Amino acid sequence: MLSDPIARIRRFHRAVTSEVGVLDASFLGRGRPLGPARVLNAIGSGRRDIRDIRAYLGLDSGLMSRLLRSLEAEGLIEIEGNASDSRRRSARLTGAGALEYAAYEALSDAQAAEILDKHQARERLLAAMDLIATTLGRDRIVIEEARPGDPRSQSCLSAYYGELAARFERGFDVSLSADPEARDMERPRGSFLLAVSDGLPVGCVGLKGTDKGYAEVKRLWIAPAARGLGLSRRLMEELERIAIELGYDRLRLDTNSALPEAVGLYRNSGWTEIARFNDDPYPDLFFERIIAGAGARTGASTGVGAEPAAG
């Protein structure tokens, strides 16, 4: 049986549906099944546009309408029209709905803690959950601009620095590297991008603006659970688009040969190896890419094998 991948996946499906109460008529004991509870959660988490909620939950319009009507009948939500577009509607929680949302949040946190306590190797369990959740949500991962000081950005950078410290033979100390100023990775000089999976950051990359006639690509990192999903290519393509928008026609980057996945990505997507252009003690490989014009961007879509952990 352990050699049968289909059987293993179906066992996983049965375990999850049983554990989280998918089949219960009263999800978490609150008197309604999982469907309306998930809609209530989406609205309480900040999603207001009904089309957005339906797309996020993957519901057809008929089921979405029934779930909204049931919540509205309970006095938990109110539906509002859009003055500028009669085809669009939004939903918001009532006072009673906000209390119900808070009750679900507390119960869901308690349920998650109980599941985590089932295994002594908590980090291994979380890593497995991250891998599954990120893979299943691959098509819903979005690329967002963020400030380098955003807590989500800082969590990515901290993980990036930790991985470099583990992979470099002499370790990694960010205070010794050519760490870019935050303002250089913010508009109008540059940009910082996050790949976000259902609210959690799973990758990042920075565009460092300079006064040297080029911009630099910095801090490309993909979370272990998100590697192999093509996120590095998506981040780099969006970074190039923003670089052109900001007026740059030349990009440069540095990396280390201890990161072969990153080196492979750059060599296979239109980057040209050049001589050293900075005095950072950590990199030993240097690349450049001309991005002005449609022809220069063609290489960005070149298929690449391995997903780089960091670059």
C-alpha atoms as a PDB file:
ATOM      1  CA  MET A   1       0.000   0.000   0.000  1.00  0.00           C
ATOM      2  CA  LEU A   2       2.810   2.439   0.805  1.00  0.00           C
ATOM      3  CA  SER A   3       3.924   2.189  -2.828  1.00  0.00           C
ATOM      4  CA  ASP A   4       0.478   3.237  -4.113  1.00  0.00           C
ATOM      5  CA  PRO A   5       0.409   7.071  -4.364  1.00  0.00           C
ATOM      6  CA  ILE A   6      -3.325   7.202  -5.128  1.00  0.00           C
ATOM      7  CA  ALA A   7      -4.185   5.172  -2.020  1.00  0.00           C
ATOM      8  CA  ARG A   8      -1.958   7.418   0.100  1.00  0.00           C
ATOM      9  CA  ILE A   9      -3.622  10.579  -1.194  1.00  0.00           C
ATOM     10  CA  ARG A  10      -7.108   9.197  -0.581  1.00  0.00           C
ATOM     11  CA  ARG A  11      -6.119   8.179   2.949  1.00  0.00           C
ATOM     12  CA  PHE A  12      -4.933  11.748   3.497  1.00  0.00           C
ATOM     13  CA  HIS A  13      -8.265  13.110   2.235  1.00  0.00           C
ATOM     14  CA  ARG A  14     -10.195  10.876   4.633  1.00  0.00           C
ATOM     15  CA  ALA A  15      -7.989  11.841   7.578  1.00  0.00           C
ATOM     16  CA  VAL A  16      -8.359  15.565   6.956  1.00  0.00           C
ATOM     17  CA  THR A  17     -12.114  15.553   6.375  1.00  0.00           C
ATOM     18  CA  SER A  18     -12.600  13.553   9.560  1.00  0.00           C
ATOM     19  CA  GLU A  19     -10.215  15.592  11.699  1.00  0.00           C
ATOM     20  CA  VAL A  20     -11.441  19.068  10.776  1.00  0.00           C
ATOM     21  CA  GLY A  21     -15.123  18.150  10.759  1.00  0.00           C
ATOM     22  CA  VAL A  22     -15.911  18.700   7.082  1.00  0.00           C
ATOM     23  CA  LEU A  23     -18.876  16.293   7.297  1.00  0.00           C
ATOM     24  CA  ASP A  24     -20.281  17.657  10.552  1.00  0.00           C
ATOM     25  CA  ALA A  25     -23.700  19.302  10.391  1.00  0.00           C
ATOM     26  CA  SER A  26     -22.511  21.636  13.153  1.00  0.00           C
ATOM     27  CA  PHE A  27     -18.936  22.681  12.321  1.00  0.00           C
ATOM     28  CA  LEU A  28     -17.017  23.333  15.566  1.00  0.00           C
ATOM     29  CA  GLY A  29     -20.317  23.070  17.426  1.00  0.00           C
ATOM     30  CA  ARG A  30     -21.665  26.425  16.196  1.00  0.00           C
ATOM     31  CA  GLY A  31     -24.868  25.122  14.621  1.00  0.00           C
ATOM     32  CA  ARG A  32     -24.035  25.324  10.918  1.00  0.00           C
ATOM     33  CA  PRO A  33     -21.928  23.195   8.490  1.00  0.00           C
ATOM     34  CA  LEU A  34     -18.521  24.094   7.146  1.00  0.00           C
ATOM     35  CA  GLY A  35     -19.752  25.925   3.992  1.00  0.00           C
ATOM     36  CA  PRO A  36     -21.383  28.954   5.627  1.00  0.00           C
ATOM     37  CA  ALA A  37     -18.662  29.002   8.282  1.00  0.00           C
ATOM     38  CA  ARG A  38     -15.999  29.381   5.567  1.00  0.00           C
ATOM     39  CA  VAL A  39     -17.934  32.206   3.905  1.00  0.00           C
ATOM     40  CA  LEU A  40     -18.256  33.953   7.273  1.00  0.00           C
ATOM     41  CA  ASN A  41     -14.509  33.515   7.807  1.00  0.00           C
ATOM     42  CA  ALA A  42     -13.686  34.990   4.390  1.00  0.00           C
ATOM     43  CA  ILE A  43     -15.814  38.076   5.075  1.00  0.00           C
ATOM     44  CA  GLY A  44     -14.426  38.477   8.585  1.00  0.00           C
ATOM     45  CA  SER A  45     -10.871  38.184   7.248  1.00  0.00           C
ATOM     46  CA  GLY A  46     -11.401  41.239   5.045  1.00  0.00           C
ATOM     47  CA  ARG A  47     -12.854  39.967   1.809  1.00  0.00           C
ATOM     48  CA  ARG A  48     -15.922  42.044   0.951  1.00  0.00           C
ATOM     49  CA  ASP A  49     -16.529  41.664  -2.787  1.00  0.00           C
ATOM     50  CA  ILE A  50     -18.786  38.659  -3.383  1.00  0.00           C
ATOM     51  CA  ARG A  51     -17.056  37.739  -6.660  1.00  0.00           C
ATOM     52  CA  ASP A  52     -13.731  37.746  -4.826  1.00  0.00           C
ATOM     53  CA  ILE A  53     -15.125  35.557  -2.030  1.00  0.00           C
ATOM     54  CA  ARG A  54     -16.595  33.087  -4.523  1.00  0.00           C
ATOM     55  CA  ALA A  55     -13.291  32.849  -6.432  1.00  0.00           C
ATOM     56  CA  TYR A  56     -11.286  32.490  -3.214  1.00  0.00           C
ATOM     57  CA  LEU A  57     -13.453  29.615  -1.977  1.00  0.00           C
ATOM     58  CA  GLY A  58     -13.921  28.027  -5.409  1.00  0.00           C
ATOM     59  CA  LEU A  59     -17.739  28.051  -5.201  1.00  0.00           C
ATOM     60  CA  ASP A  60     -20.241  28.133  -8.042  1.00  0.00           C
ATOM     61  CA  SER A  61     -22.634  31.098  -8.091  1.00  0.00           C
ATOM     62  CA  GLY A  62     -25.686  29.050  -7.066  1.00  0.00           C
ATOM     63  CA  LEU A  63     -24.089  27.604  -3.942  1.00  0.00           C
ATOM     64  CA  MET A  64     -22.574  30.984  -3.081  1.00  0.00           C
ATOM     65  CA  SER A  65     -26.009  32.618  -3.240  1.00  0.00           C
ATOM     66  CA  ARG A  66     -27.521  29.947  -0.959  1.00  0.00           C
ATOM     67  CA  LEU A  67     -24.745  30.314   1.614  1.00  0.00           C
ATOM     68  CA  LEU A  68     -25.053  34.096   1.629  1.00  0.00           C
ATOM     69  CA  ARG A  69     -28.830  33.892   2.055  1.00  0.00           C
ATOM     70  CA  SER A  70     -28.448  31.527   5.024  1.00  0.00           C
ATOM     71  CA  LEU A  71     -26.003  33.879   6.764  1.00  0.00           C
ATOM     72  CA  GLU A  72     -28.163  36.877   5.967  1.00  0.00           C
ATOM     73  CA  ALA A  73     -31.232  35.097   7.392  1.00  0.00           C
ATOM     74  CA  GLU A  74     -29.314  34.529  10.638  1.00  0.00           C
ATOM     75  CA  GLY A  75     -28.526  38.238  10.848  1.00  0.00           C
ATOM     76  CA  LEU A  76     -24.783  37.627  10.573  1.00  0.00           C
ATOM     77  CA  ILE A  77     -24.088  39.546   7.338  1.00  0.00           C
ATOM     78  CA  GLU A  78     -25.516  42.365   5.253  1.00  0.00           C
ATOM     79  CA  ILE A  79     -25.330  42.512   1.466  1.00  0.00           C
ATOM     80  CA  GLU A  80     -24.642  45.893  -0.151  1.00  0.00           C
ATOM     81  CA  GLY A  81     -24.835  47.014  -3.777  1.00  0.00           C
ATOM     82  CA  ASN A  82     -22.136  48.876  -5.686  1.00  0.00           C
ATOM     83  CA  ALA A  83     -23.129  52.390  -6.712  1.00  0.00           C
ATOM     84  CA  SER A  84     -20.757  52.412  -9.705  1.00  0.00           C
ATOM     85  CA  ASP A  85     -21.426  48.833 -10.904  1.00  0.00           C
ATOM     86  CA  SER A  86     -24.825  47.248 -10.371  1.00  0.00           C
ATOM     87  CA  ARG A  87     -23.405  43.801 -11.207  1.00  0.00           C
ATOM     88  CA  ARG A  88     -21.102  43.813  -8.169  1.00  0.00           C
ATOM     89  CA  ARG A  89     -22.145  43.341  -4.567  1.00  0.00           C
ATOM     90  CA  SER A  90     -20.286  43.220  -1.286  1.00  0.00           C
ATOM     91  CA  ALA A  91     -20.900  41.667   2.108  1.00  0.00           C
ATOM     92  CA  ARG A  92     -20.050  42.828   5.604  1.00  0.00           C
ATOM     93  CA  LEU A  93     -20.438  41.340   9.059  1.00  0.00           C
ATOM     94  CA  THR A  94     -23.129  42.642  11.383  1.00  0.00           C
ATOM     95  CA  GLY A  95     -22.403  42.981  15.102  1.00  0.00           C
ATOM     96  CA  ALA A  96     -23.709  39.464  15.632  1.00  0.00           C
ATOM     97  CA  GLY A  97     -21.618  38.260  12.706  1.00  0.00           C
ATOM     98  CA  ALA A  98     -18.453  39.771  14.195  1.00  0.00           C
ATOM     99  CA  LEU A  99     -19.100  37.905  17.462  1.00  0.00           C
ATOM    100  CA  GLU A 100     -19.675  34.652  15.571  1.00  0.00           C
ATOM    101  CA  TYR A 101     -16.505  35.199  13.547  1.00  0.00           C
ATOM    102  CA  ALA A 102     -14.515  35.727  16.766  1.00  0.00           C
ATOM    103  CA  ALA A 103     -15.997  32.532  18.250  1.00  0.00           C
ATOM    104  CA  TYR A 104     -14.969  30.537  15.173  1.00  0.00           C
ATOM    105  CA  GLU A 105     -11.467  32.014  15.315  1.00  0.00           C
ATOM    106  CA  ALA A 106     -10.972  30.953  18.931  1.00  0.00           C
ATOM    107  CA  LEU A 107     -12.321  27.448  18.287  1.00  0.00           C
ATOM    108  CA  SER A 108     -10.227  27.051  15.112  1.00  0.00           C
ATOM    109  CA  ASP A 109      -7.056  28.110  16.959  1.00  0.00           C
ATOM    110  CA  ALA A 110      -7.803  25.571  19.696  1.00  0.00           C
ATOM    111  CA  GLN A 111      -8.424  22.853  17.100  1.00  0.00           C
ATOM    112  CA  ALA A 112      -5.131  23.663  15.360  1.00  0.00           C
ATOM    113  CA  ALA A 113      -3.251  23.470  18.679  1.00  0.00           C
ATOM    114  CA  GLU A 114      -4.767  20.043  19.370  1.00  0.00           C
ATOM    115  CA  ILE A 115      -3.689  18.763  15.962  1.00  0.00           C
ATOM    116  CA  LEU A 116      -0.170  20.099  16.505  1.00  0.00           C
ATOM    117  CA  ASP A 117       0.053  18.243  19.819  1.00  0.00           C
ATOM    118  CA  LYS A 118      -0.600  14.907  18.092  1.00  0.00           C
ATOM    119  CA  HIS A 119       3.022  14.635  16.880  1.00  0.00           C
ATOM    120  CA  GLN A 120       6.269  15.142  18.787  1.00  0.00           C
ATOM    121  CA  ALA A 121       8.095  16.416  15.681  1.00  0.00           C
ATOM    122  CA  ARG A 122       6.043  19.607  15.416  1.00  0.00           C
ATOM    123  CA  GLU A 123       8.295  21.335  12.873  1.00  0.00           C
ATOM    124  CA  ARG A 124       8.202  18.299  10.574  1.00  0.00           C
ATOM    125  CA  LEU A 125       4.413  18.252  10.849  1.00  0.00           C
ATOM    126  CA  LEU A 126       4.176  21.964  10.066  1.00  0.00           C
ATOM    127  CA  ALA A 127       6.597  21.623   7.137  1.00  0.00           C
ATOM    128  CA  ALA A 128       4.440  18.836   5.682  1.00  0.00           C
ATOM    129  CA  MET A 129       1.313  20.974   6.096  1.00  0.00           C
ATOM    130  CA  ASP A 130       3.056  23.946   4.466  1.00  0.00           C
ATOM    131  CA  LEU A 131       4.060  21.814   1.499  1.00  0.00           C
ATOM    132  CA  ILE A 132       0.542  20.465   0.986  1.00  0.00           C
ATOM    133  CA  ALA A 133      -1.247  23.793   1.496  1.00  0.00           C
ATOM    134  CA  THR A 134       1.123  25.665  -0.821  1.00  0.00           C
ATOM    135  CA  THR A 135       0.919  23.007  -3.527  1.00  0.00           C
ATOM    136  CA  LEU A 136      -2.877  22.800  -3.431  1.00  0.00           C
ATOM    137  CA  GLY A 137      -3.111  26.588  -3.476  1.00  0.00           C
ATOM    138  CA  ARG A 138      -0.538  27.040  -6.252  1.00  0.00           C
ATOM    139  CA  ASP A 139      -2.955  28.751  -8.661  1.00  0.00           C
ATOM    140  CA  ARG A 140      -4.007  31.231  -5.966  1.00  0.00           C
ATOM    141  CA  ILE A 141      -0.506  32.451  -5.068  1.00  0.00           C
ATOM    142  CA  VAL A 142      -0.286  36.176  -5.781  1.00  0.00           C
ATOM    143  CA  ILE A 143       2.658  38.532  -6.266  1.00  0.00           C
ATOM    144  CA  GLU A 144       2.404  41.713  -4.181  1.00  0.00           C
ATOM    145  CA  GLU A 145       4.565  44.784  -3.713  1.00  0.00           C
ATOM    146  CA  ALA A 146       5.487  45.410  -0.079  1.00  0.00           C
ATOM    147  CA  ARG A 147       7.852  47.597   1.907  1.00  0.00           C
ATOM    148  CA  PRO A 148      11.109  45.905   2.939  1.00  0.00           C
ATOM    149  CA  GLY A 149      10.198  46.736   6.546  1.00  0.00           C
ATOM    150  CA  ASP A 150       6.837  44.953   6.349  1.00  0.00           C
ATOM    151  CA  PRO A 151       6.783  42.093   8.924  1.00  0.00           C
ATOM    152  CA  ARG A 152       6.075  39.644   6.095  1.00  0.00           C
ATOM    153  CA  SER A 153       9.126  40.910   4.184  1.00  0.00           C
ATOM    154  CA  GLN A 154      11.273  40.692   7.305  1.00  0.00           C
ATOM    155  CA  SER A 155      10.208  37.093   7.924  1.00  0.00           C
ATOM    156  CA  CYS A 156      11.270  36.162   4.376  1.00  0.00           C
ATOM    157  CA  LEU A 157      14.589  37.990   4.697  1.00  0.00           C
ATOM    158  CA  SER A 158      15.298  36.359   8.046  1.00  0.00           C
ATOM    159  CA  ALA A 159      14.703  32.914   6.525  1.00  0.00           C
ATOM    160  CA  TYR A 160      16.850  33.891   3.510  1.00  0.00           C
ATOM    161  CA  TYR A 161      19.783  34.940   5.711  1.00  0.00           C
ATOM    162  CA  GLY A 162      19.440  31.758   7.777  1.00  0.00           C
ATOM    163  CA  GLU A 163      19.576  29.600   4.667  1.00  0.00           C
ATOM    164  CA  LEU A 164      22.667  31.395   3.370  1.00  0.00           C
ATOM    165  CA  ALA A 165      24.363  30.896   6.746  1.00  0.00           C
ATOM    166  CA  ALA A 166      23.669  27.163   6.511  1.00  0.00           C
ATOM    167  CA  ARG A 167      24.710  26.736   2.874  1.00  0.00           C
ATOM    168  CA  PHE A 168      27.823  28.940   2.687  1.00  0.00           C
ATOM    169  CA  GLU A 169      31.013  27.241   3.802  1.00  0.00           C
ATOM    170  CA  ARG A 170      32.002  30.244   5.948  1.00  0.00           C
ATOM    171  CA  GLY A 171      28.474  31.064   7.054  1.00  0.00           C
ATOM    172  CA  PHE A 172      26.742  34.373   6.377  1.00  0.00           C
ATOM    173  CA  ASP A 173      26.661  37.625   8.336  1.00  0.00           C
ATOM    174  CA  VAL A 174      24.348  40.205   6.792  1.00  0.00           C
ATOM    175  CA  SER A 175      26.301  43.033   8.444  1.00  0.00           C
ATOM    176  CA  LEU A 176      29.324  42.099   6.297  1.00  0.00           C
ATOM    177  CA  SER A 177      27.398  41.933   3.024  1.00  0.00           C
ATOM    178  CA  ALA A 178      26.431  44.776   0.696  1.00  0.00           C
ATOM    179  CA  ASP A 179      22.959  44.933   2.268  1.00  0.00           C
ATOM    180  CA  PRO A 180      20.802  47.433   0.354  1.00  0.00           C
ATOM    181  CA  GLU A 181      19.185  50.361   2.113  1.00  0.00           C
ATOM    182  CA  ALA A 182      15.442  49.837   2.475  1.00  0.00           C
ATOM    183  CA  ARG A 183      14.723  53.064   0.579  1.00  0.00           C
ATOM    184  CA  ASP A 184      16.618  51.691  -2.422  1.00  0.00           C
ATOM    185  CA  MET A 185      14.035  48.887  -2.640  1.00  0.00           C
ATOM    186  CA  GLU A 186      11.046  51.213  -2.471  1.00  0.00           C
ATOM    187  CA  ARG A 187       9.452  53.320  -5.170  1.00  0.00           C
ATOM    188  CA  PRO A 188      10.482  55.483  -6.913  1.00  0.00           C
ATOM    189  CA  ARG A 189      14.012  53.983  -6.760  1.00  0.00           C
ATOM    190  CA  GLY A 190      13.136  50.304  -6.556  1.00  0.00           C
ATOM    191  CA  SER A 191      10.635  47.747  -5.338  1.00  0.00           C
ATOM    192  CA  PHE A 192      10.232  44.725  -3.075  1.00  0.00           C
ATOM    193  CA  LEU A 193       7.980  41.813  -4.050  1.00  0.00           C
ATOM    194  CA  LEU A 194       6.387  39.016  -2.049  1.00  0.00           C
ATOM    195  CA  ALA A 195       4.804  35.784  -3.252  1.00  0.00           C
ATOM    196  CA  VAL A 196       1.808  35.283  -0.953  1.00  0.00           C
ATOM    197  CA  SER A 197      -0.075  32.011  -0.452  1.00  0.00           C
ATOM    198  CA  ASP A 198      -3.416  32.556   1.320  1.00  0.00           C
ATOM    199  CA  GLY A 199      -1.992  35.376   3.417  1.00  0.00           C
ATOM    200  CA  LEU A 200       1.397  33.809   4.153  1.00  0.00           C
ATOM    201  CA  PRO A 201       4.588  34.933   2.366  1.00  0.00           C
ATOM    202  CA  VAL A 202       6.377  32.097   0.567  1.00  0.00           C
ATOM    203  CA  GLY A 203       8.959  34.014  -1.475  1.00  0.00           C
ATOM    204  CA  CYS A 204      10.517  37.404  -2.070  1.00  0.00           C
ATOM    205  CA  VAL A 205      12.811  39.424  -4.319  1.00  0.00           C
ATOM    206  CA  GLY A 206      14.043  43.009  -4.267  1.00  0.00           C
ATOM    207  CA  LEU A 207      14.831  45.564  -6.957  1.00  0.00           C
ATOM    208  CA  LYS A 208      17.576  47.870  -5.690  1.00  0.00           C
ATOM    209  CA  GLY A 209      17.712  51.206  -7.463  1.00  0.00           C
ATOM    210  CA  THR A 210      21.123  52.757  -8.072  1.00  0.00           C
ATOM    211  CA  ASP A 211      22.597  55.848  -9.727  1.00  0.00           C
ATOM    212  CA  LYS A 212      24.989  53.758 -11.833  1.00  0.00           C
ATOM    213  CA  GLY A 213      22.820  53.229 -14.895  1.00  0.00           C
ATOM    214  CA  TYR A 214      21.427  49.888 -13.744  1.00  0.00           C
ATOM    215  CA  ALA A 215      19.291  48.364 -10.991  1.00  0.00           C
ATOM    216  CA  GLU A 216      20.216  45.278  -8.973  1.00  0.00           C
ATOM    217  CA  VAL A 217      18.195  42.163  -8.204  1.00  0.00           C
ATOM    218  CA  LYS A 218      18.567  41.320  -4.515  1.00  0.00           C
ATOM    219  CA  ARG A 219      17.315  38.741  -2.023  1.00  0.00           C
ATOM    220  CA  LEU A 220      15.572  36.231  -4.283  1.00  0.00           C
ATOM    221  CA  TRP A 221      14.276  33.525  -1.940  1.00  0.00           C
ATOM    222  CA  ILE A 222      11.607  30.818  -2.132  1.00  0.00           C
ATOM    223  CA  ALA A 223      10.289  28.970   0.928  1.00  0.00           C
ATOM    224  CA  PRO A 224      11.048  25.221   0.926  1.00  0.00           C
ATOM    225  CA  ALA A 225       7.330  24.395   0.698  1.00  0.00           C
ATOM    226  CA  ALA A 226       6.957  26.514  -2.445  1.00  0.00           C
ATOM    227  CA  ARG A 227       9.964  25.319  -4.428  1.00  0.00           C
ATOM    228  CA  GLY A 228       9.229  23.666  -7.745  1.00  0.00           C
ATOM    229  CA  LEU A 229       6.097  25.744  -8.384  1.00  0.00           C
ATOM    230  CA  GLY A 230       7.698  28.293 -10.750  1.00  0.00           C
ATOM    231  CA  LEU A 231       7.562  31.188  -8.269  1.00  0.00           C
ATOM    232  CA  SER A 232      11.109  32.378  -8.883  1.00  0.00           C
ATOM    233  CA  ARG A 233      10.279  32.892 -12.570  1.00  0.00           C
ATOM    234  CA  ARG A 234       7.058  34.728 -11.691  1.00  0.00           C
ATOM    235  CA  LEU A 235       8.860  36.996  -9.234  1.00  0.00           C
ATOM    236  CA  MET A 236      11.645  37.767 -11.715  1.00  0.00           C
ATOM    237  CA  GLU A 237       9.207  38.521 -14.537  1.00  0.00           C
ATOM    238  CA  GLU A 238       7.239  40.930 -12.363  1.00  0.00           C
ATOM    239  CA  LEU A 239      10.480  42.520 -11.155  1.00  0.00           C
ATOM    240  CA  GLU A 240      11.572  43.131 -14.751  1.00  0.00           C
ATOM    241  CA  ARG A 241       8.201  44.693 -15.554  1.00  0.00           C
ATOM    242  CA  ILE A 242       8.547  47.087 -12.627  1.00  0.00           C
ATOM    243  CA  ALA A 243      12.176  47.867 -13.512  1.00  0.00           C
ATOM    244  CA  ILE A 244      11.113  48.928 -17.023  1.00  0.00           C
ATOM    245  CA  GLU A 245       8.267  50.955 -15.515  1.00  0.00           C
ATOM    246  CA  LEU A 246      10.794  52.771 -13.292  1.00  0.00           C
ATOM    247  CA  GLY A 247      13.018  53.556 -16.268  1.00  0.00           C
ATOM    248  CA  TYR A 248      15.778  50.953 -15.964  1.00  0.00           C
ATOM    249  CA  ASP A 249      17.012  49.093 -19.049  1.00  0.00           C
ATOM    250  CA  ARG A 250      19.800  47.075 -17.415  1.00  0.00           C
ATOM    251  CA  LEU A 251      19.769  44.736 -14.409  1.00  0.00           C
ATOM    252  CA  ARG A 252      22.650  43.214 -12.513  1.00  0.00           C
ATOM    253  CA  LEU A 253      22.894  40.650  -9.732  1.00  0.00           C
ATOM    254  CA  ASP A 254      25.439  38.658  -7.785  1.00  0.00           C
ATOM    255  CA  THR A 255      25.193  35.150  -6.376  1.00  0.00           C
ATOM    256  CA  ASN A 256      27.319  32.352  -4.998  1.00  0.00           C
ATOM    257  CA  SER A 257      28.259  29.048  -6.619  1.00  0.00           C
ATOM    258  CA  ALA A 258      26.992  27.324  -3.446  1.00  0.00           C
ATOM    259  CA  LEU A 259      23.505  28.121  -4.801  1.00  0.00           C
ATOM    260  CA  PRO A 260      23.480  26.044  -8.026  1.00  0.00           C
ATOM    261  CA  GLU A 261      19.696  26.324  -8.473  1.00  0.00           C
ATOM    262  CA  ALA A 262      19.930  30.117  -8.601  1.00  0.00           C
ATOM    263  CA  VAL A 263      22.911  30.002 -10.949  1.00  0.00           C
ATOM    264  CA  GLY A 264      20.993  27.657 -13.254  1.00  0.00           C
ATOM    265  CA  LEU A 265      17.970  29.948 -13.247  1.00  0.00           C
ATOM    266  CA  TYR A 266      20.006  32.969 -14.304  1.00  0.00           C
ATOM    267  CA  ARG A 267      22.011  31.151 -16.968  1.00  0.00           C
ATOM    268  CA  ASN A 268      18.872  29.639 -18.491  1.00  0.00           C
ATOM    269  CA  SER A 269      16.760  32.793 -18.532  1.00  0.00           C
ATOM    270  CA  GLY A 270      18.773  35.327 -20.468  1.00  0.00           C
ATOM    271  CA  TRP A 271      21.373  36.531 -17.971  1.00  0.00           C
ATOM    272  CA  THR A 272      24.997  37.015 -19.079  1.00  0.00           C
ATOM    273  CA  GLU A 273      27.910  36.376 -16.733  1.00  0.00           C
ATOM    274  CA  ILE A 274      30.070  39.466 -16.232  1.00  0.00           C
ATOM    275  CA  ALA A 275      33.080  40.570 -14.184  1.00  0.00           C
ATOM    276  CA  ARG A 276      32.746  41.439 -10.496  1.00  0.00           C
ATOM    277  CA  PHE A 277      31.038  44.808 -10.033  1.00  0.00           C
ATOM    278  CA  ASN A 278      31.018  45.163  -6.228  1.00  0.00           C
ATOM    279  CA  ASP A 279      33.154  44.411  -3.171  1.00  0.00           C
ATOM    280  CA  ASP A 280      30.641  42.216  -1.337  1.00  0.00           C
ATOM    281  CA  PRO A 281      32.676  39.355   0.239  1.00  0.00           C
ATOM    282  CA  TYR A 282      30.061  36.641  -0.329  1.00  0.00           C
ATOM    283  CA  PRO A 283      29.267  36.422  -4.074  1.00  0.00           C
ATOM    284  CA  ASP A 284      31.627  34.796  -6.569  1.00  0.00           C
ATOM    285  CA  LEU A 285      29.407  35.001  -9.689  1.00  0.00           C
ATOM    286  CA  PHE A 286      28.020  38.138 -11.335  1.00  0.00           C
ATOM    287  CA  PHE A 287      25.351  38.539 -14.019  1.00  0.00           C
ATOM    288  CA  GLU A 288      23.752  41.222 -16.180  1.00  0.00           C
ATOM    289  CA  ARG A 289      20.576  41.390 -18.268  1.00  0.00           C
ATOM    290  CA  ILE A 290      19.422  44.011 -20.771  1.00  0.00           C
ATOM    291  CA  ILE A 291      15.669  44.436 -20.403  1.00  0.00           C
ATOM    292  CA  ALA A 292      14.774  47.361 -22.687  1.00  0.00           C
ATOM    293  CA  GLY A 293      12.497  46.279 -25.563  1.00  0.00           C
ATOM    294  CA  ALA A 294      10.364  43.186 -26.178  1.00  0.00           C
ATOM    295  CA  GLY A 295      13.275  41.139 -27.492  1.00  0.00           C
ATOM    296  CA  ALA A 296      15.193  41.427 -24.242  1.00  0.00           C
ATOM    297  CA  ARG A 297      12.223  40.108 -22.258  1.00  0.00           C
ATOM    298  CA  THR A 298      11.772  36.932 -24.263  1.00  0.00           C
ATOM    299  CA  GLY A 299      14.257  34.986 -22.169  1.00  0.00           C
ATOM    300  CA  ALA A 300      12.257  35.609 -18.990  1.00  0.00           C
ATOM    301  CA  SER A 301       9.778  32.933 -19.986  1.00  0.00           C
ATOM    302  CA  THR A 302      12.380  30.304 -20.740  1.00  0.00           C
ATOM    303  CA  GLY A 303      11.564  27.073 -18.941  1.00  0.00           C
ATOM    304  CA  VAL A 304      13.856  26.430 -15.972  1.00  0.00           C
ATOM    305  CA  GLY A 305      14.262  23.133 -14.155  1.00  0.00           C
ATOM    306  CA  ALA A 306      14.998  23.485 -10.444  1.00  0.00           C
ATOM    307  CA  GLU A 307      13.479  26.205  -8.270  1.00  0.00           C
ATOM    308  CA  PRO A 308      16.233  28.287  -6.631  1.00  0.00           C
ATOM    309  CA  ALA A 309      16.172  28.397  -2.846  1.00  0.00           C
ATOM    310  CA  ALA A 310      17.948  31.730  -2.726  1.00  0.00           C
ATOM    311  CA  GLY A 311      19.908  33.932  -5.057  1.00  0.00           C
END
